[in-house]
């Protein structure tokens, strides 16, 4: 699109998420497109895509939609007042939780690799 916005198809392609998922995120207010055409088609900005990609990166770690919403609230609060200690503490808590979940996932991948190695020896 010439005004710097994208329709849902381009966003789906860039984020590797389905139209259905993007529509669902809009319906539940997780990521609302910045604009709509006169015909009601969703129009996304680069900022919207960045938010969607942040959510997408949380999915493999098993964050719930509510937890994703909480992180987006923190991101928005950081944009407003990055020096607020309560906001900083919330961000630190999300970082710690993400690190713990990543470590669990790393161990699972390690076990899967061991399993594949065992299958090679059969």
PDB file of N, CA and C in Angstrom:
ATOM      1  N   UNK A   1       0.853  -1.176   0.000  1.00  0.00           N
ATOM      2  CA  UNK A   1       0.000   0.000   0.000  1.00  0.00           C
ATOM      3  C   UNK A   1       0.900   1.241   0.000  1.00  0.00           C
ATOM      4  N   UNK A   2       0.467   2.287  -0.611  1.00  0.00           N
ATOM      5  CA  UNK A   2       1.309   3.461  -0.768  1.00  0.00           C
ATOM      6  C   UNK A   2       1.414   4.310   0.491  1.00  0.00           C
ATOM      7  N   UNK A   3       0.468   4.193   1.423  1.00  0.00           N
ATOM      8  CA  UNK A   3       0.514   5.030   2.620  1.00  0.00           C
ATOM      9  C   UNK A   3       1.280   4.376   3.772  1.00  0.00           C
ATOM     10  N   UNK A   4       2.006   3.308   3.504  1.00  0.00           N
ATOM     11  CA  UNK A   4       2.787   2.647   4.543  1.00  0.00           C
ATOM     12  C   UNK A   4       2.009   1.621   5.336  1.00  0.00           C
ATOM     13  N   UNK A   5       0.769   1.357   4.934  1.00  0.00           N
ATOM     14  CA  UNK A   5       0.001   0.331   5.613  1.00  0.00           C
ATOM     15  C   UNK A   5      -0.052  -0.924   4.761  1.00  0.00           C
ATOM     16  N   UNK A   6      -0.382  -2.021   5.422  1.00  0.00           N
ATOM     17  CA  UNK A   6      -0.455  -3.318   4.750  1.00  0.00           C
ATOM     18  C   UNK A   6      -1.797  -3.958   5.040  1.00  0.00           C
ATOM     19  N   UNK A   7      -2.274  -4.714   4.098  1.00  0.00           N
ATOM     20  CA  UNK A   7      -3.486  -5.503   4.312  1.00  0.00           C
ATOM     21  C   UNK A   7      -3.104  -6.810   4.995  1.00  0.00           C
ATOM     22  N   UNK A   8      -4.104  -7.504   5.443  1.00  0.00           N
ATOM     23  CA  UNK A   8      -3.895  -8.698   6.253  1.00  0.00           C
ATOM     24  C   UNK A   8      -3.080  -9.777   5.525  1.00  0.00           C
ATOM     25  N   UNK A   9      -3.229  -9.886   4.212  1.00  0.00           N
ATOM     26  CA  UNK A   9      -2.484 -10.898   3.461  1.00  0.00           C
ATOM     27  C   UNK A   9      -0.979 -10.704   3.562  1.00  0.00           C
ATOM     28  N   UNK A  10      -0.540  -9.463   3.415  1.00  0.00           N
ATOM     29  CA  UNK A  10       0.889  -9.173   3.520  1.00  0.00           C
ATOM     30  C   UNK A  10       1.380  -9.413   4.945  1.00  0.00           C
ATOM     31  N   UNK A  11       0.568  -9.039   5.917  1.00  0.00           N
ATOM     32  CA  UNK A  11       0.951  -9.242   7.314  1.00  0.00           C
ATOM     33  C   UNK A  11       1.029 -10.736   7.620  1.00  0.00           C
ATOM     34  N   UNK A  12       0.080 -11.503   7.126  1.00  0.00           N
ATOM     35  CA  UNK A  12       0.099 -12.951   7.333  1.00  0.00           C
ATOM     36  C   UNK A  12       1.369 -13.555   6.747  1.00  0.00           C
ATOM     37  N   UNK A  13       1.737 -13.113   5.564  1.00  0.00           N
ATOM     38  CA  UNK A  13       2.944 -13.615   4.917  1.00  0.00           C
ATOM     39  C   UNK A  13       4.192 -13.234   5.708  1.00  0.00           C
ATOM     40  N   UNK A  14       4.271 -12.002   6.148  1.00  0.00           N
ATOM     41  CA  UNK A  14       5.460 -11.532   6.878  1.00  0.00           C
ATOM     42  C   UNK A  14       5.602 -12.164   8.249  1.00  0.00           C
ATOM     43  N   UNK A  15       4.482 -12.448   8.889  1.00  0.00           N
ATOM     44  CA  UNK A  15       4.536 -12.976  10.255  1.00  0.00           C
ATOM     45  C   UNK A  15       4.413 -14.494  10.319  1.00  0.00           C
ATOM     46  N   UNK A  16       4.073 -15.106   9.185  1.00  0.00           N
ATOM     47  CA  UNK A  16       3.836 -16.542   9.107  1.00  0.00           C
ATOM     48  C   UNK A  16       2.702 -16.975  10.031  1.00  0.00           C
ATOM     49  N   UNK A  17       1.711 -16.103  10.173  1.00  0.00           N
ATOM     50  CA  UNK A  17       0.504 -16.412  10.923  1.00  0.00           C
ATOM     51  C   UNK A  17      -0.670 -16.430   9.954  1.00  0.00           C
ATOM     52  N   UNK A  18      -1.681 -17.169  10.305  1.00  0.00           N
ATOM     53  CA  UNK A  18      -2.847 -17.278   9.423  1.00  0.00           C
ATOM     54  C   UNK A  18      -3.730 -16.038   9.509  1.00  0.00           C
ATOM     55  N   UNK A  19      -4.548 -15.870   8.478  1.00  0.00           N
ATOM     56  CA  UNK A  19      -5.546 -14.797   8.500  1.00  0.00           C
ATOM     57  C   UNK A  19      -6.418 -14.961   9.738  1.00  0.00           C
ATOM     58  N   UNK A  20      -6.779 -16.206  10.011  1.00  0.00           N
ATOM     59  CA  UNK A  20      -7.667 -16.498  11.145  1.00  0.00           C
ATOM     60  C   UNK A  20      -7.047 -16.024  12.461  1.00  0.00           C
ATOM     61  N   UNK A  21      -5.757 -16.306  12.644  1.00  0.00           N
ATOM     62  CA  UNK A  21      -5.083 -15.895  13.870  1.00  0.00           C
ATOM     63  C   UNK A  21      -5.050 -14.378  13.979  1.00  0.00           C
ATOM     64  N   UNK A  22      -4.712 -13.704  12.886  1.00  0.00           N
ATOM     65  CA  UNK A  22      -4.656 -12.242  12.903  1.00  0.00           C
ATOM     66  C   UNK A  22      -6.031 -11.640  13.186  1.00  0.00           C
ATOM     67  N   UNK A  23      -7.048 -12.215  12.596  1.00  0.00           N
ATOM     68  CA  UNK A  23      -8.405 -11.727  12.864  1.00  0.00           C
ATOM     69  C   UNK A  23      -8.786 -11.958  14.329  1.00  0.00           C
ATOM     70  N   UNK A  24      -8.385 -13.117  14.849  1.00  0.00           N
ATOM     71  CA  UNK A  24      -8.682 -13.434  16.252  1.00  0.00           C
ATOM     72  C   UNK A  24      -7.994 -12.433  17.178  1.00  0.00           C
ATOM     73  N   UNK A  25      -6.725 -12.136  16.904  1.00  0.00           N
ATOM     74  CA  UNK A  25      -6.008 -11.151  17.722  1.00  0.00           C
ATOM     75  C   UNK A  25      -6.734  -9.808  17.717  1.00  0.00           C
ATOM     76  N   UNK A  26      -7.280  -9.439  16.568  1.00  0.00           N
ATOM     77  CA  UNK A  26      -8.040  -8.191  16.470  1.00  0.00           C
ATOM     78  C   UNK A  26      -9.340  -8.298  17.273  1.00  0.00           C
ATOM     79  N   UNK A  27     -10.046  -9.392  17.096  1.00  0.00           N
ATOM     80  CA  UNK A  27     -11.343  -9.566  17.771  1.00  0.00           C
ATOM     81  C   UNK A  27     -11.221  -9.526  19.292  1.00  0.00           C
ATOM     82  N   UNK A  28     -10.127 -10.068  19.828  1.00  0.00           N
ATOM     83  CA  UNK A  28      -9.969 -10.086  21.289  1.00  0.00           C
ATOM     84  C   UNK A  28      -9.205  -8.865  21.796  1.00  0.00           C
ATOM     85  N   UNK A  29      -8.817  -7.988  20.874  1.00  0.00           N
ATOM     86  CA  UNK A  29      -8.139  -6.753  21.264  1.00  0.00           C
ATOM     87  C   UNK A  29      -6.674  -6.915  21.602  1.00  0.00           C
ATOM     88  N   UNK A  30      -6.071  -8.019  21.174  1.00  0.00           N
ATOM     89  CA  UNK A  30      -4.649  -8.221  21.444  1.00  0.00           C
ATOM     90  C   UNK A  30      -3.801  -7.317  20.567  1.00  0.00           C
ATOM     91  N   UNK A  31      -4.044  -7.339  19.284  1.00  0.00           N
ATOM     92  CA  UNK A  31      -3.404  -6.409  18.346  1.00  0.00           C
ATOM     93  C   UNK A  31      -4.480  -5.918  17.395  1.00  0.00           C
ATOM     94  N   UNK A  32      -4.817  -4.671  17.532  1.00  0.00           N
ATOM     95  CA  UNK A  32      -5.828  -4.055  16.685  1.00  0.00           C
ATOM     96  C   UNK A  32      -5.129  -3.305  15.561  1.00  0.00           C
ATOM     97  N   UNK A  33      -5.507  -3.566  14.308  1.00  0.00           N
ATOM     98  CA  UNK A  33      -4.901  -2.825  13.198  1.00  0.00           C
ATOM     99  C   UNK A  33      -5.068  -1.327  13.403  1.00  0.00           C
ATOM    100  N   UNK A  34      -4.105  -0.577  12.938  1.00  0.00           N
ATOM    101  CA  UNK A  34      -4.122   0.873  13.129  1.00  0.00           C
ATOM    102  C   UNK A  34      -5.225   1.573  12.350  1.00  0.00           C
ATOM    103  N   UNK A  35      -5.693   0.944  11.282  1.00  0.00           N
ATOM    104  CA  UNK A  35      -6.719   1.601  10.457  1.00  0.00           C
ATOM    105  C   UNK A  35      -7.526   0.543   9.721  1.00  0.00           C
ATOM    106  N   UNK A  36      -8.554   1.033   9.056  1.00  0.00           N
ATOM    107  CA  UNK A  36      -9.374   0.193   8.180  1.00  0.00           C
ATOM    108  C   UNK A  36      -9.689   0.989   6.922  1.00  0.00           C
ATOM    109  N   UNK A  37      -9.884   0.262   5.845  1.00  0.00           N
ATOM    110  CA  UNK A  37     -10.297   0.924   4.613  1.00  0.00           C
ATOM    111  C   UNK A  37     -11.764   1.309   4.738  1.00  0.00           C
ATOM    112  N   UNK A  38     -12.251   2.091   3.774  1.00  0.00           N
ATOM    113  CA  UNK A  38     -13.675   2.438   3.751  1.00  0.00           C
ATOM    114  C   UNK A  38     -14.538   1.183   3.693  1.00  0.00           C
ATOM    115  N   UNK A  39     -13.996   0.133   3.086  1.00  0.00           N
ATOM    116  CA  UNK A  39     -14.721  -1.131   2.982  1.00  0.00           C
ATOM    117  C   UNK A  39     -14.569  -2.025   4.202  1.00  0.00           C
ATOM    118  N   UNK A  40     -13.811  -1.580   5.200  1.00  0.00           N
ATOM    119  CA  UNK A  40     -13.673  -2.342   6.440  1.00  0.00           C
ATOM    120  C   UNK A  40     -12.487  -3.287   6.493  1.00  0.00           C
ATOM    121  N   UNK A  41     -11.633  -3.273   5.459  1.00  0.00           N
ATOM    122  CA  UNK A  41     -10.458  -4.142   5.481  1.00  0.00           C
ATOM    123  C   UNK A  41      -9.430  -3.614   6.472  1.00  0.00           C
ATOM    124  N   UNK A  42      -8.809  -4.525   7.183  1.00  0.00           N
ATOM    125  CA  UNK A  42      -7.799  -4.167   8.179  1.00  0.00           C
ATOM    126  C   UNK A  42      -6.547  -3.626   7.492  1.00  0.00           C
ATOM    127  N   UNK A  43      -5.989  -2.563   8.069  1.00  0.00           N
ATOM    128  CA  UNK A  43      -4.735  -1.988   7.582  1.00  0.00           C
ATOM    129  C   UNK A  43      -3.749  -1.941   8.748  1.00  0.00           C
ATOM    130  N   UNK A  44      -2.605  -2.543   8.544  1.00  0.00           N
ATOM    131  CA  UNK A  44      -1.581  -2.663   9.578  1.00  0.00           C
ATOM    132  C   UNK A  44      -0.387  -1.780   9.255  1.00  0.00           C
ATOM    133  N   UNK A  45       0.230  -1.251  10.287  1.00  0.00           N
ATOM    134  CA  UNK A  45       1.460  -0.472  10.137  1.00  0.00           C
ATOM    135  C   UNK A  45       2.650  -1.354  10.529  1.00  0.00           C
ATOM    136  N   UNK A  46       3.848  -0.833  10.316  1.00  0.00           N
ATOM    137  CA  UNK A  46       5.054  -1.552  10.747  1.00  0.00           C
ATOM    138  C   UNK A  46       5.028  -1.778  12.265  1.00  0.00           C
ATOM    139  N   UNK A  47       4.502  -0.804  13.006  1.00  0.00           N
ATOM    140  CA  UNK A  47       4.381  -0.968  14.454  1.00  0.00           C
ATOM    141  C   UNK A  47       3.450  -2.110  14.827  1.00  0.00           C
ATOM    142  N   UNK A  48       2.356  -2.237  14.094  1.00  0.00           N
ATOM    143  CA  UNK A  48       1.436  -3.358  14.325  1.00  0.00           C
ATOM    144  C   UNK A  48       2.137  -4.687  14.062  1.00  0.00           C
ATOM    145  N   UNK A  49       2.890  -4.745  12.972  1.00  0.00           N
ATOM    146  CA  UNK A  49       3.616  -5.971  12.628  1.00  0.00           C
ATOM    147  C   UNK A  49       4.648  -6.298  13.701  1.00  0.00           C
ATOM    148  N   UNK A  50       5.324  -5.285  14.225  1.00  0.00           N
ATOM    149  CA  UNK A  50       6.307  -5.517  15.291  1.00  0.00           C
ATOM    150  C   UNK A  50       5.628  -6.122  16.518  1.00  0.00           C
ATOM    151  N   UNK A  51       4.446  -5.644  16.856  1.00  0.00           N
ATOM    152  CA  UNK A  51       3.697  -6.201  17.997  1.00  0.00           C
ATOM    153  C   UNK A  51       3.307  -7.652  17.721  1.00  0.00           C
ATOM    154  N   UNK A  52       2.858  -7.917  16.509  1.00  0.00           N
ATOM    155  CA  UNK A  52       2.463  -9.276  16.141  1.00  0.00           C
ATOM    156  C   UNK A  52       3.669 -10.203  16.211  1.00  0.00           C
ATOM    157  N   UNK A  53       4.821  -9.747  15.733  1.00  0.00           N
ATOM    158  CA  UNK A  53       6.024 -10.576  15.780  1.00  0.00           C
ATOM    159  C   UNK A  53       6.473 -10.833  17.222  1.00  0.00           C
ATOM    160  N   UNK A  54       6.285  -9.852  18.089  1.00  0.00           N
ATOM    161  CA  UNK A  54       6.600 -10.053  19.499  1.00  0.00           C
ATOM    162  C   UNK A  54       5.723 -11.169  20.068  1.00  0.00           C
ATOM    163  N   UNK A  55       4.453 -11.128  19.748  1.00  0.00           N
ATOM    164  CA  UNK A  55       3.534 -12.174  20.193  1.00  0.00           C
ATOM    165  C   UNK A  55       3.937 -13.519  19.613  1.00  0.00           C
ATOM    166  N   UNK A  56       4.252 -13.529  18.331  1.00  0.00           N
ATOM    167  CA  UNK A  56       4.631 -14.778  17.666  1.00  0.00           C
ATOM    168  C   UNK A  56       5.846 -15.412  18.332  1.00  0.00           C
ATOM    169  N   UNK A  57       6.747 -14.595  18.783  1.00  0.00           N
ATOM    170  CA  UNK A  57       7.952 -15.110  19.438  1.00  0.00           C
ATOM    171  C   UNK A  57       7.662 -15.651  20.840  1.00  0.00           C
ATOM    172  N   UNK A  58       6.544 -15.244  21.410  1.00  0.00           N
ATOM    173  CA  UNK A  58       6.145 -15.750  22.725  1.00  0.00           C
ATOM    174  C   UNK A  58       5.463 -17.117  22.621  1.00  0.00           C
ATOM    175  N   UNK A  59       4.870 -17.401  21.475  1.00  0.00           N
ATOM    176  CA  UNK A  59       4.082 -18.619  21.314  1.00  0.00           C
ATOM    177  C   UNK A  59       4.879 -19.896  21.592  1.00  0.00           C
ATOM    178  N   UNK A  60       6.098 -20.057  21.063  1.00  0.00           N
ATOM    179  CA  UNK A  60       6.820 -21.305  21.322  1.00  0.00           C
ATOM    180  C   UNK A  60       7.169 -21.512  22.801  1.00  0.00           C
ATOM    181  N   UNK A  61       7.143 -20.436  23.555  1.00  0.00           N
ATOM    182  CA  UNK A  61       7.448 -20.536  24.978  1.00  0.00           C
ATOM    183  C   UNK A  61       6.199 -20.801  25.810  1.00  0.00           C
ATOM    184  N   UNK A  62       5.061 -20.918  25.155  1.00  0.00           N
ATOM    185  CA  UNK A  62       3.840 -21.304  25.833  1.00  0.00           C
ATOM    186  C   UNK A  62       3.129 -20.201  26.594  1.00  0.00           C
ATOM    187  N   UNK A  63       3.410 -18.949  26.265  1.00  0.00           N
ATOM    188  CA  UNK A  63       2.704 -17.849  26.918  1.00  0.00           C
ATOM    189  C   UNK A  63       1.238 -17.862  26.479  1.00  0.00           C
ATOM    190  N   UNK A  64       0.354 -17.597  27.411  1.00  0.00           N
ATOM    191  CA  UNK A  64      -1.073 -17.531  27.099  1.00  0.00           C
ATOM    192  C   UNK A  64      -1.397 -16.177  26.464  1.00  0.00           C
ATOM    193  N   UNK A  65      -2.578 -16.081  25.896  1.00  0.00           N
ATOM    194  CA  UNK A  65      -3.007 -14.805  25.321  1.00  0.00           C
ATOM    195  C   UNK A  65      -3.045 -13.713  26.381  1.00  0.00           C
ATOM    196  N   UNK A  66      -3.475 -14.049  27.585  1.00  0.00           N
ATOM    197  CA  UNK A  66      -3.497 -13.054  28.664  1.00  0.00           C
ATOM    198  C   UNK A  66      -2.088 -12.601  29.028  1.00  0.00           C
ATOM    199  N   UNK A  67      -1.142 -13.542  29.053  1.00  0.00           N
ATOM    200  CA  UNK A  67       0.250 -13.180  29.348  1.00  0.00           C
ATOM    201  C   UNK A  67       0.828 -12.319  28.233  1.00  0.00           C
ATOM    202  N   UNK A  68       0.447 -12.618  26.996  1.00  0.00           N
ATOM    203  CA  UNK A  68       0.890 -11.799  25.867  1.00  0.00           C
ATOM    204  C   UNK A  68       0.346 -10.380  25.996  1.00  0.00           C
ATOM    205  N   UNK A  69      -0.926 -10.289  26.376  1.00  0.00           N
ATOM    206  CA  UNK A  69      -1.549  -8.979  26.561  1.00  0.00           C
ATOM    207  C   UNK A  69      -0.821  -8.198  27.664  1.00  0.00           C
ATOM    208  N   UNK A  70      -0.469  -8.877  28.749  1.00  0.00           N
ATOM    209  CA  UNK A  70       0.260  -8.224  29.841  1.00  0.00           C
ATOM    210  C   UNK A  70       1.595  -7.676  29.353  1.00  0.00           C
ATOM    211  N   UNK A  71       2.310  -8.463  28.533  1.00  0.00           N
ATOM    212  CA  UNK A  71       3.584  -7.977  28.009  1.00  0.00           C
ATOM    213  C   UNK A  71       3.377  -6.762  27.119  1.00  0.00           C
ATOM    214  N   UNK A  72       2.365  -6.788  26.269  1.00  0.00           N
ATOM    215  CA  UNK A  72       2.101  -5.630  25.413  1.00  0.00           C
ATOM    216  C   UNK A  72       1.776  -4.401  26.256  1.00  0.00           C
ATOM    217  N   UNK A  73       1.076  -4.603  27.363  1.00  0.00           N
ATOM    218  CA  UNK A  73       0.804  -3.490  28.279  1.00  0.00           C
ATOM    219  C   UNK A  73       2.112  -2.935  28.843  1.00  0.00           C
ATOM    220  N   UNK A  74       3.039  -3.819  29.179  1.00  0.00           N
ATOM    221  CA  UNK A  74       4.341  -3.390  29.692  1.00  0.00           C
ATOM    222  C   UNK A  74       5.100  -2.623  28.616  1.00  0.00           C
ATOM    223  N   UNK A  75       5.098  -3.150  27.395  1.00  0.00           N
ATOM    224  CA  UNK A  75       5.783  -2.477  26.283  1.00  0.00           C
ATOM    225  C   UNK A  75       5.202  -1.077  26.084  1.00  0.00           C
ATOM    226  N   UNK A  76       3.893  -0.964  26.119  1.00  0.00           N
ATOM    227  CA  UNK A  76       3.253   0.346  25.970  1.00  0.00           C
ATOM    228  C   UNK A  76       3.633   1.279  27.123  1.00  0.00           C
ATOM    229  N   UNK A  77       3.660   0.726  28.335  1.00  0.00           N
ATOM    230  CA  UNK A  77       4.023   1.538  29.499  1.00  0.00           C
ATOM    231  C   UNK A  77       5.480   1.985  29.420  1.00  0.00           C
ATOM    232  N   UNK A  78       6.347   1.116  28.910  1.00  0.00           N
ATOM    233  CA  UNK A  78       7.770   1.464  28.762  1.00  0.00           C
ATOM    234  C   UNK A  78       7.925   2.609  27.771  1.00  0.00           C
ATOM    235  N   UNK A  79       7.105   2.621  26.734  1.00  0.00           N
ATOM    236  CA  UNK A  79       7.176   3.702  25.751  1.00  0.00           C
ATOM    237  C   UNK A  79       6.767   5.025  26.382  1.00  0.00           C
ATOM    238  N   UNK A  80       5.881   4.955  27.368  1.00  0.00           N
ATOM    239  CA  UNK A  80       5.425   6.167  28.041  1.00  0.00           C
ATOM    240  C   UNK A  80       6.351   6.623  29.152  1.00  0.00           C
ATOM    241  N   UNK A  81       6.852   5.678  29.948  1.00  0.00           N
ATOM    242  CA  UNK A  81       7.704   6.027  31.084  1.00  0.00           C
ATOM    243  C   UNK A  81       8.624   4.863  31.412  1.00  0.00           C
ATOM    244  N   UNK A  82       9.752   4.798  30.701  1.00  0.00           N
ATOM    245  CA  UNK A  82      10.702   3.696  30.872  1.00  0.00           C
ATOM    246  C   UNK A  82      11.375   3.714  32.236  1.00  0.00           C
ATOM    247  N   UNK A  83      11.276   4.809  32.964  1.00  0.00           N
ATOM    248  CA  UNK A  83      11.932   4.903  34.269  1.00  0.00           C
ATOM    249  C   UNK A  83      11.024   4.502  35.424  1.00  0.00           C
ATOM    250  N   UNK A  84       9.781   4.169  35.155  1.00  0.00           N
ATOM    251  CA  UNK A  84       8.850   3.778  36.207  1.00  0.00           C
ATOM    252  C   UNK A  84       9.302   2.441  36.809  1.00  0.00           C
ATOM    253  N   UNK A  85       9.635   2.402  38.099  1.00  0.00           N
ATOM    254  CA  UNK A  85      10.136   1.171  38.716  1.00  0.00           C
ATOM    255  C   UNK A  85       9.151   0.004  38.650  1.00  0.00           C
ATOM    256  N   UNK A  86       7.863   0.275  38.750  1.00  0.00           N
ATOM    257  CA  UNK A  86       6.896  -0.826  38.706  1.00  0.00           C
ATOM    258  C   UNK A  86       6.830  -1.436  37.307  1.00  0.00           C
ATOM    259  N   UNK A  87       6.942  -0.598  36.294  1.00  0.00           N
ATOM    260  CA  UNK A  87       6.940  -1.093  34.916  1.00  0.00           C
ATOM    261  C   UNK A  87       8.217  -1.882  34.660  1.00  0.00           C
ATOM    262  N   UNK A  88       9.326  -1.360  35.115  1.00  0.00           N
ATOM    263  CA  UNK A  88      10.614  -2.048  34.960  1.00  0.00           C
ATOM    264  C   UNK A  88      10.566  -3.410  35.658  1.00  0.00           C
ATOM    265  N   UNK A  89       9.959  -3.478  36.846  1.00  0.00           N
ATOM    266  CA  UNK A  89       9.848  -4.741  37.584  1.00  0.00           C
ATOM    267  C   UNK A  89       8.983  -5.745  36.820  1.00  0.00           C
ATOM    268  N   UNK A  90       7.907  -5.260  36.217  1.00  0.00           N
ATOM    269  CA  UNK A  90       7.050  -6.146  35.414  1.00  0.00           C
ATOM    270  C   UNK A  90       7.805  -6.691  34.214  1.00  0.00           C
ATOM    271  N   UNK A  91       8.600  -5.848  33.564  1.00  0.00           N
ATOM    272  CA  UNK A  91       9.398  -6.289  32.423  1.00  0.00           C
ATOM    273  C   UNK A  91      10.437  -7.312  32.865  1.00  0.00           C
ATOM    274  N   UNK A  92      11.083  -7.058  33.990  1.00  0.00           N
ATOM    275  CA  UNK A  92      12.073  -8.006  34.511  1.00  0.00           C
ATOM    276  C   UNK A  92      11.436  -9.360  34.820  1.00  0.00           C
ATOM    277  N   UNK A  93      10.213  -9.344  35.336  1.00  0.00           N
ATOM    278  CA  UNK A  93       9.514 -10.591  35.637  1.00  0.00           C
ATOM    279  C   UNK A  93       9.211 -11.370  34.358  1.00  0.00           C
ATOM    280  N   UNK A  94       8.816 -10.667  33.310  1.00  0.00           N
ATOM    281  CA  UNK A  94       8.558 -11.331  32.033  1.00  0.00           C
ATOM    282  C   UNK A  94       9.859 -11.904  31.472  1.00  0.00           C
ATOM    283  N   UNK A  95      10.932 -11.148  31.569  1.00  0.00           N
ATOM    284  CA  UNK A  95      12.237 -11.647  31.094  1.00  0.00           C
ATOM    285  C   UNK A  95      12.635 -12.919  31.826  1.00  0.00           C
ATOM    286  N   UNK A  96      12.482 -12.923  33.132  1.00  0.00           N
ATOM    287  CA  UNK A  96      12.853 -14.097  33.929  1.00  0.00           C
ATOM    288  C   UNK A  96      11.991 -15.300  33.549  1.00  0.00           C
ATOM    289  N   UNK A  97      10.707 -15.073  33.383  1.00  0.00           N
ATOM    290  CA  UNK A  97       9.806 -16.158  32.998  1.00  0.00           C
ATOM    291  C   UNK A  97      10.157 -16.686  31.607  1.00  0.00           C
ATOM    292  N   UNK A  98      10.445 -15.790  30.682  1.00  0.00           N
ATOM    293  CA  UNK A  98      10.815 -16.207  29.327  1.00  0.00           C
ATOM    294  C   UNK A  98      12.108 -17.019  29.348  1.00  0.00           C
ATOM    295  N   UNK A  99      13.072 -16.600  30.162  1.00  0.00           N
ATOM    296  CA  UNK A  99      14.336 -17.334  30.261  1.00  0.00           C
ATOM    297  C   UNK A  99      14.110 -18.732  30.830  1.00  0.00           C
ATOM    298  N   UNK A 100      13.256 -18.842  31.822  1.00  0.00           N
ATOM    299  CA  UNK A 100      12.970 -20.153  32.415  1.00  0.00           C
ATOM    300  C   UNK A 100      12.275 -21.056  31.401  1.00  0.00           C
ATOM    301  N   UNK A 101      11.345 -20.494  30.660  1.00  0.00           N
ATOM    302  CA  UNK A 101      10.633 -21.282  29.652  1.00  0.00           C
ATOM    303  C   UNK A 101      11.565 -21.687  28.510  1.00  0.00           C
ATOM    304  N   UNK A 102      12.470 -20.799  28.147  1.00  0.00           N
ATOM    305  CA  UNK A 102      13.436 -21.125  27.094  1.00  0.00           C
ATOM    306  C   UNK A 102      14.339 -22.264  27.536  1.00  0.00           C
ATOM    307  N   UNK A 103      14.771 -22.237  28.784  1.00  0.00           N
ATOM    308  CA  UNK A 103      15.625 -23.306  29.302  1.00  0.00           C
ATOM    309  C   UNK A 103      14.879 -24.645  29.284  1.00  0.00           C
ATOM    310  N   UNK A 104      13.631 -24.631  29.656  1.00  0.00           N
ATOM    311  CA  UNK A 104      12.826 -25.856  29.609  1.00  0.00           C
ATOM    312  C   UNK A 104      12.723 -26.367  28.178  1.00  0.00           C
ATOM    313  N   UNK A 105      12.492 -25.456  27.249  1.00  0.00           N
ATOM    314  CA  UNK A 105      12.402 -25.821  25.842  1.00  0.00           C
ATOM    315  C   UNK A 105      13.740 -26.362  25.331  1.00  0.00           C
ATOM    316  N   UNK A 106      14.841 -25.748  25.756  1.00  0.00           N
ATOM    317  CA  UNK A 106      16.172 -26.229  25.361  1.00  0.00           C
ATOM    318  C   UNK A 106      16.381 -27.673  25.821  1.00  0.00           C
ATOM    319  N   UNK A 107      15.967 -27.970  27.053  1.00  0.00           N
ATOM    320  CA  UNK A 107      16.102 -29.336  27.567  1.00  0.00           C
ATOM    321  C   UNK A 107      15.245 -30.309  26.767  1.00  0.00           C
ATOM    322  N   UNK A 108      14.052 -29.872  26.375  1.00  0.00           N
ATOM    323  CA  UNK A 108      13.180 -30.727  25.571  1.00  0.00           C
ATOM    324  C   UNK A 108      13.793 -31.012  24.205  1.00  0.00           C
ATOM    325  N   UNK A 109      14.380 -29.992  23.595  1.00  0.00           N
ATOM    326  CA  UNK A 109      15.034 -30.184  22.299  1.00  0.00           C
ATOM    327  C   UNK A 109      16.233 -31.120  22.450  1.00  0.00           C
ATOM    328  N   UNK A 110      16.966 -30.979  23.528  1.00  0.00           N
ATOM    329  CA  UNK A 110      18.105 -31.860  23.793  1.00  0.00           C
ATOM    330  C   UNK A 110      17.638 -33.317  23.898  1.00  0.00           C
ATOM    331  N   UNK A 111      16.531 -33.537  24.607  1.00  0.00           N
ATOM    332  CA  UNK A 111      15.986 -34.899  24.712  1.00  0.00           C
ATOM    333  C   UNK A 111      15.533 -35.414  23.345  1.00  0.00           C
ATOM    334  N   UNK A 112      14.933 -34.557  22.535  1.00  0.00           N
ATOM    335  CA  UNK A 112      14.506 -34.961  21.200  1.00  0.00           C
ATOM    336  C   UNK A 112      15.713 -35.337  20.348  1.00  0.00           C
ATOM    337  N   UNK A 113      16.804 -34.581  20.472  1.00  0.00           N
ATOM    338  CA  UNK A 113      18.032 -34.903  19.741  1.00  0.00           C
ATOM    339  C   UNK A 113      18.588 -36.253  20.186  1.00  0.00           C
ATOM    340  N   UNK A 114      18.559 -36.514  21.482  1.00  0.00           N
ATOM    341  CA  UNK A 114      19.030 -37.805  21.993  1.00  0.00           C
ATOM    342  C   UNK A 114      18.175 -38.945  21.445  1.00  0.00           C
ATOM    343  N   UNK A 115      16.889 -38.739  21.389  1.00  0.00           N
ATOM    344  CA  UNK A 115      15.979 -39.741  20.850  1.00  0.00           C
ATOM    345  C   UNK A 115      16.307 -40.015  19.387  1.00  0.00           C
ATOM    346  N   UNK A 116      16.506 -38.960  18.602  1.00  0.00           N
ATOM    347  CA  UNK A 116      16.852 -39.137  17.188  1.00  0.00           C
ATOM    348  C   UNK A 116      18.173 -39.880  17.039  1.00  0.00           C
ATOM    349  N   UNK A 117      19.136 -39.573  17.887  1.00  0.00           N
ATOM    350  CA  UNK A 117      20.419 -40.288  17.858  1.00  0.00           C
ATOM    351  C   UNK A 117      20.225 -41.759  18.145  1.00  0.00           C
ATOM    352  N   UNK A 118      19.365 -42.080  19.110  1.00  0.00           N
ATOM    353  CA  UNK A 118      19.085 -43.492  19.418  1.00  0.00           C
ATOM    354  C   UNK A 118      18.428 -44.188  18.248  1.00  0.00           C
ATOM    355  N   UNK A 119      17.538 -43.514  17.575  1.00  0.00           N
ATOM    356  CA  UNK A 119      16.887 -44.127  16.406  1.00  0.00           C
ATOM    357  C   UNK A 119      17.904 -44.421  15.314  1.00  0.00           C
ATOM    358  N   UNK A 120      18.904 -43.579  15.172  1.00  0.00           N
ATOM    359  CA  UNK A 120      19.936 -43.815  14.156  1.00  0.00           C
ATOM    360  C   UNK A 120      20.743 -45.075  14.450  1.00  0.00           C
ATOM    361  N   UNK A 121      20.833 -45.442  15.711  1.00  0.00           N
ATOM    362  CA  UNK A 121      21.636 -46.618  16.095  1.00  0.00           C
ATOM    363  C   UNK A 121      20.839 -47.913  16.051  1.00  0.00           C
ATOM    364  N   UNK A 122      19.557 -47.815  15.780  1.00  0.00           N
ATOM    365  CA  UNK A 122      18.729 -49.043  15.729  1.00  0.00           C
ATOM    366  C   UNK A 122      18.876 -49.689  14.377  1.00  0.00           C
TER     367      UNK A 122
END
